[in-house]
Amino acid sequence: MSTRSKEQVDVLTEKLRITGVTIVGEPRTTDDGYFESVILDPEGNQIEFTI
């Protein structure tokens, strides 16, 4: 999912963490220049929040 800012990635990740969602990739800048975090949905699929 595309977000508007790094701060939005951080906020979404923290809100999901508080609700018990599994975070498999903490917010970070990737080698190709994206800022992202990765979570698992209830079915075990990875979802990326990216800017």
N, C-alpha and C. Protein backbone atom coordinates (compact mmCIF):
# COMPACT_ATOMS: atom_id res chain seq x y z
N MET A 1 0.84 -1.16 0.00
CA MET A 1 0.00 0.00 0.00
C MET A 1 0.89 1.23 0.00
N SER A 2 0.55 2.16 -0.82
CA SER A 2 1.32 3.39 -0.90
C SER A 2 0.81 4.39 0.12
N THR A 3 1.73 5.08 0.79
CA THR A 3 1.38 6.11 1.75
C THR A 3 1.94 7.44 1.29
N ARG A 4 1.63 8.50 2.02
CA ARG A 4 2.05 9.84 1.62
C ARG A 4 3.36 10.30 2.24
N SER A 5 3.76 9.65 3.34
CA SER A 5 4.97 10.13 4.02
C SER A 5 5.58 9.02 4.88
N LYS A 6 6.83 9.24 5.27
CA LYS A 6 7.49 8.32 6.20
C LYS A 6 6.75 8.29 7.53
N GLU A 7 6.29 9.46 7.95
CA GLU A 7 5.56 9.54 9.21
C GLU A 7 4.30 8.68 9.17
N GLN A 8 3.63 8.65 8.02
CA GLN A 8 2.43 7.84 7.90
C GLN A 8 2.76 6.35 7.99
N VAL A 9 3.88 5.94 7.40
CA VAL A 9 4.32 4.55 7.52
C VAL A 9 4.57 4.24 9.00
N ASP A 10 5.25 5.12 9.70
CA ASP A 10 5.54 4.91 11.13
C ASP A 10 4.26 4.81 11.95
N VAL A 11 3.32 5.73 11.72
CA VAL A 11 2.08 5.76 12.49
C VAL A 11 1.24 4.52 12.22
N LEU A 12 1.09 4.14 10.95
CA LEU A 12 0.32 2.94 10.62
C LEU A 12 0.93 1.70 11.26
N THR A 13 2.25 1.60 11.18
CA THR A 13 2.93 0.44 11.75
C THR A 13 2.69 0.37 13.25
N GLU A 14 2.82 1.49 13.95
CA GLU A 14 2.63 1.49 15.40
C GLU A 14 1.19 1.20 15.78
N LYS A 15 0.23 1.77 15.06
CA LYS A 15 -1.19 1.49 15.36
C LYS A 15 -1.50 0.01 15.18
N LEU A 16 -0.96 -0.59 14.13
CA LEU A 16 -1.20 -2.01 13.89
C LEU A 16 -0.52 -2.87 14.94
N ARG A 17 0.68 -2.47 15.36
CA ARG A 17 1.40 -3.21 16.41
C ARG A 17 0.57 -3.24 17.70
N ILE A 18 0.00 -2.09 18.06
CA ILE A 18 -0.81 -1.98 19.28
C ILE A 18 -2.02 -2.91 19.23
N THR A 19 -2.56 -3.12 18.03
CA THR A 19 -3.74 -3.99 17.90
C THR A 19 -3.37 -5.46 17.78
N GLY A 20 -2.07 -5.77 17.82
CA GLY A 20 -1.65 -7.16 17.81
C GLY A 20 -1.23 -7.72 16.46
N VAL A 21 -1.17 -6.87 15.44
CA VAL A 21 -0.73 -7.32 14.12
C VAL A 21 0.76 -7.64 14.17
N THR A 22 1.17 -8.70 13.49
CA THR A 22 2.57 -9.10 13.44
C THR A 22 3.33 -8.21 12.47
N ILE A 23 4.39 -7.57 12.96
CA ILE A 23 5.26 -6.73 12.13
C ILE A 23 6.45 -7.59 11.74
N VAL A 24 6.63 -7.81 10.44
CA VAL A 24 7.76 -8.64 9.99
C VAL A 24 8.89 -7.81 9.41
N GLY A 25 8.63 -6.53 9.19
CA GLY A 25 9.67 -5.62 8.71
C GLY A 25 9.44 -4.24 9.31
N GLU A 26 10.30 -3.86 10.24
CA GLU A 26 10.18 -2.54 10.87
C GLU A 26 10.38 -1.44 9.82
N PRO A 27 9.82 -0.24 10.06
CA PRO A 27 10.02 0.86 9.12
C PRO A 27 11.50 1.08 8.85
N ARG A 28 11.83 1.18 7.55
CA ARG A 28 13.24 1.33 7.16
C ARG A 28 13.32 1.84 5.73
N THR A 29 14.48 2.35 5.37
CA THR A 29 14.76 2.72 3.99
C THR A 29 15.41 1.52 3.32
N THR A 30 14.84 1.11 2.19
CA THR A 30 15.35 -0.06 1.47
C THR A 30 16.54 0.32 0.60
N ASP A 31 17.23 -0.69 0.09
CA ASP A 31 18.38 -0.45 -0.78
C ASP A 31 18.00 0.30 -2.05
N ASP A 32 16.75 0.14 -2.51
CA ASP A 32 16.34 0.83 -3.72
C ASP A 32 15.66 2.17 -3.44
N GLY A 33 15.76 2.66 -2.19
CA GLY A 33 15.34 4.01 -1.87
C GLY A 33 13.93 4.19 -1.35
N TYR A 34 13.18 3.11 -1.21
CA TYR A 34 11.84 3.22 -0.65
C TYR A 34 11.91 3.22 0.87
N PHE A 35 10.89 3.77 1.49
CA PHE A 35 10.73 3.68 2.94
C PHE A 35 9.53 2.80 3.16
N GLU A 36 9.68 1.73 3.94
CA GLU A 36 8.60 0.76 4.05
C GLU A 36 8.59 0.06 5.39
N SER A 37 7.45 -0.54 5.69
CA SER A 37 7.33 -1.52 6.76
C SER A 37 6.48 -2.66 6.20
N VAL A 38 6.58 -3.83 6.83
CA VAL A 38 5.87 -5.01 6.33
C VAL A 38 5.16 -5.68 7.50
N ILE A 39 3.88 -5.99 7.27
CA ILE A 39 3.07 -6.68 8.28
C ILE A 39 2.54 -7.98 7.70
N LEU A 40 1.98 -8.81 8.58
CA LEU A 40 1.26 -10.01 8.14
C LEU A 40 -0.23 -9.79 8.36
N ASP A 41 -1.03 -10.11 7.34
CA ASP A 41 -2.48 -10.06 7.52
C ASP A 41 -2.93 -11.34 8.22
N PRO A 42 -4.21 -11.45 8.58
CA PRO A 42 -4.67 -12.63 9.33
C PRO A 42 -4.45 -13.96 8.61
N GLU A 43 -4.32 -13.94 7.28
CA GLU A 43 -4.09 -15.17 6.52
C GLU A 43 -2.61 -15.46 6.29
N GLY A 44 -1.74 -14.59 6.84
CA GLY A 44 -0.30 -14.81 6.71
C GLY A 44 0.34 -14.16 5.50
N ASN A 45 -0.43 -13.35 4.76
CA ASN A 45 0.12 -12.64 3.60
C ASN A 45 0.88 -11.41 4.07
N GLN A 46 1.99 -11.11 3.40
CA GLN A 46 2.75 -9.92 3.73
C GLN A 46 2.15 -8.72 3.02
N ILE A 47 2.02 -7.62 3.76
CA ILE A 47 1.54 -6.36 3.21
C ILE A 47 2.59 -5.30 3.50
N GLU A 48 2.99 -4.56 2.46
CA GLU A 48 3.98 -3.50 2.61
C GLU A 48 3.29 -2.15 2.63
N PHE A 49 3.74 -1.29 3.55
CA PHE A 49 3.36 0.12 3.54
C PHE A 49 4.60 0.86 3.05
N THR A 50 4.45 1.59 1.96
CA THR A 50 5.60 2.15 1.27
C THR A 50 5.38 3.60 0.89
N ILE A 51 6.47 4.36 0.87
CA ILE A 51 6.48 5.67 0.25
C ILE A 51 7.62 5.71 -0.74
